[in-house]
Every structure is written in structure tokens, then in C-alpha cells.
């Protein structure tokens, strides 16, 4: 479904990603784990068209999207829930959700998906008129996720969804990710909470300083001594 080959990304003179290659197959949850600064967020930004690669190739649904604009990539069915939620704070919950469907023209389908989001996230229904900036961190994460789902993605990329949340909410967010995947959406997950990420993923890649240094099934990496020492305590 998503194939990244030999990706090199620079920020000025800084070589952020070194020949990164990985793939995500339809129906999977794949997680990228690594320390801060390893290049995880840069990968998502490059795949979604927010950052340009110096070299390499990104294919999504057998189409080369390496130089495709971000808004066009979204129309292809690839949505991105950014780190830090990035909700539109001065807009209501419902206005935020409808922004997620801005590229769609099917009014009936949009109304149907809005109802699905409210069924998945009852707290958003309760607060549909509330300004997004006044929501709690957990509620903003639900809103950012719901907004992405409004584009009807076939692949959902999520960047640090548990950041800043209480342990109870972290568990809730990961159950939501599992449920989204079970309903047919493929997930590429970037997450510093490696134990939680590996507990729900099918496969994983480990990044260090812009390079993939390990890959395999989530279960195998969960029991890998190097991974356990570095990321699982």
C-alpha cells in the first residue's frame, strides 16, 4: 500500500534521513519507534508532502507521490494526524471535523461520516459547539483523529498520539487506534511509548539518527534485547 525506497531528507546542511526504506501493507498497523530526533516525524512529513525529499521514492497505492502536493495526497486517501493535535482552536468541534472533509463534495457521505465520528467519540458530540481550543488534551486528540477520518482515508498516519496524556487516556487512545484499524483503515504510527505501540502493531521499524536499524514483527521486537534496553526500560 505504502512503499518508501531510499529516502534522503535534508534540513539545510543537516542530513535528517539516510536511505530510509520501509513499507506498510493494507490492513496493517505499522509503528516507527525511536528516540527524539531519530527522524520519525520527518518521515511522516515527507510521506504526506509537507517536506520534500532530496532523493528516494514514495509510492502509495502504486502511484508515485514523491513530489505530489500535500492536499492532493490527502485526496488519494492518505491522512495525517500531526504531533501536538494542531486543531483549529478558534473553531468549534463540528467546524474542525467538517474541515477534515474539505476536499469532498458528497454531502450525504459527509453527514454519514460525521455521525460515525460522533458515534466513535461521544464526547465530541457532547461538545460539538465548543471551541476546540478549550478541549482537554485527550479530547483534542480525539478531535484531530476524527478530523482525519472525515477525509475517508485508506491509510491513517498518526504522530505521537499519546503525547501529554494521562495513562488512562493513553490506553483509551490506543484502543481507538486498534478499533480504527479493525474497521478497515491501515495505520502508520509514530509513537515514543514503544511498549504501547508494539502491543497493537503488526510490524515495526526502529530508527536511530535518521536510519532504520531494525525491523520485524512487533512481537519479535518486543522481545529483542537491544530494543528492550533502549526503549522498553
Foldseek 3Di string as FASTA:
>chain_A
DKWWFQFWADDVPRTQAGGDTDDFDFLFEEEEEEDPSLCPLVVVCQQLANGATPDTFIADPNHTCRNPHNVVVLLVFEFEQDPPLPFPQQAFLQVSLVVLQVVDDPVVLLVVLVVVLCVLPVVCVVRRRPGLNPDDLLVSLSSSVSSPCSSVHQEYEYEASCPPHDPVSSVVVLVSVLVVSVVGHYYYYYHLLLVSSLVRGQKYFYGGSNYTDDIDGSVVLCPDPVSCVPRVD
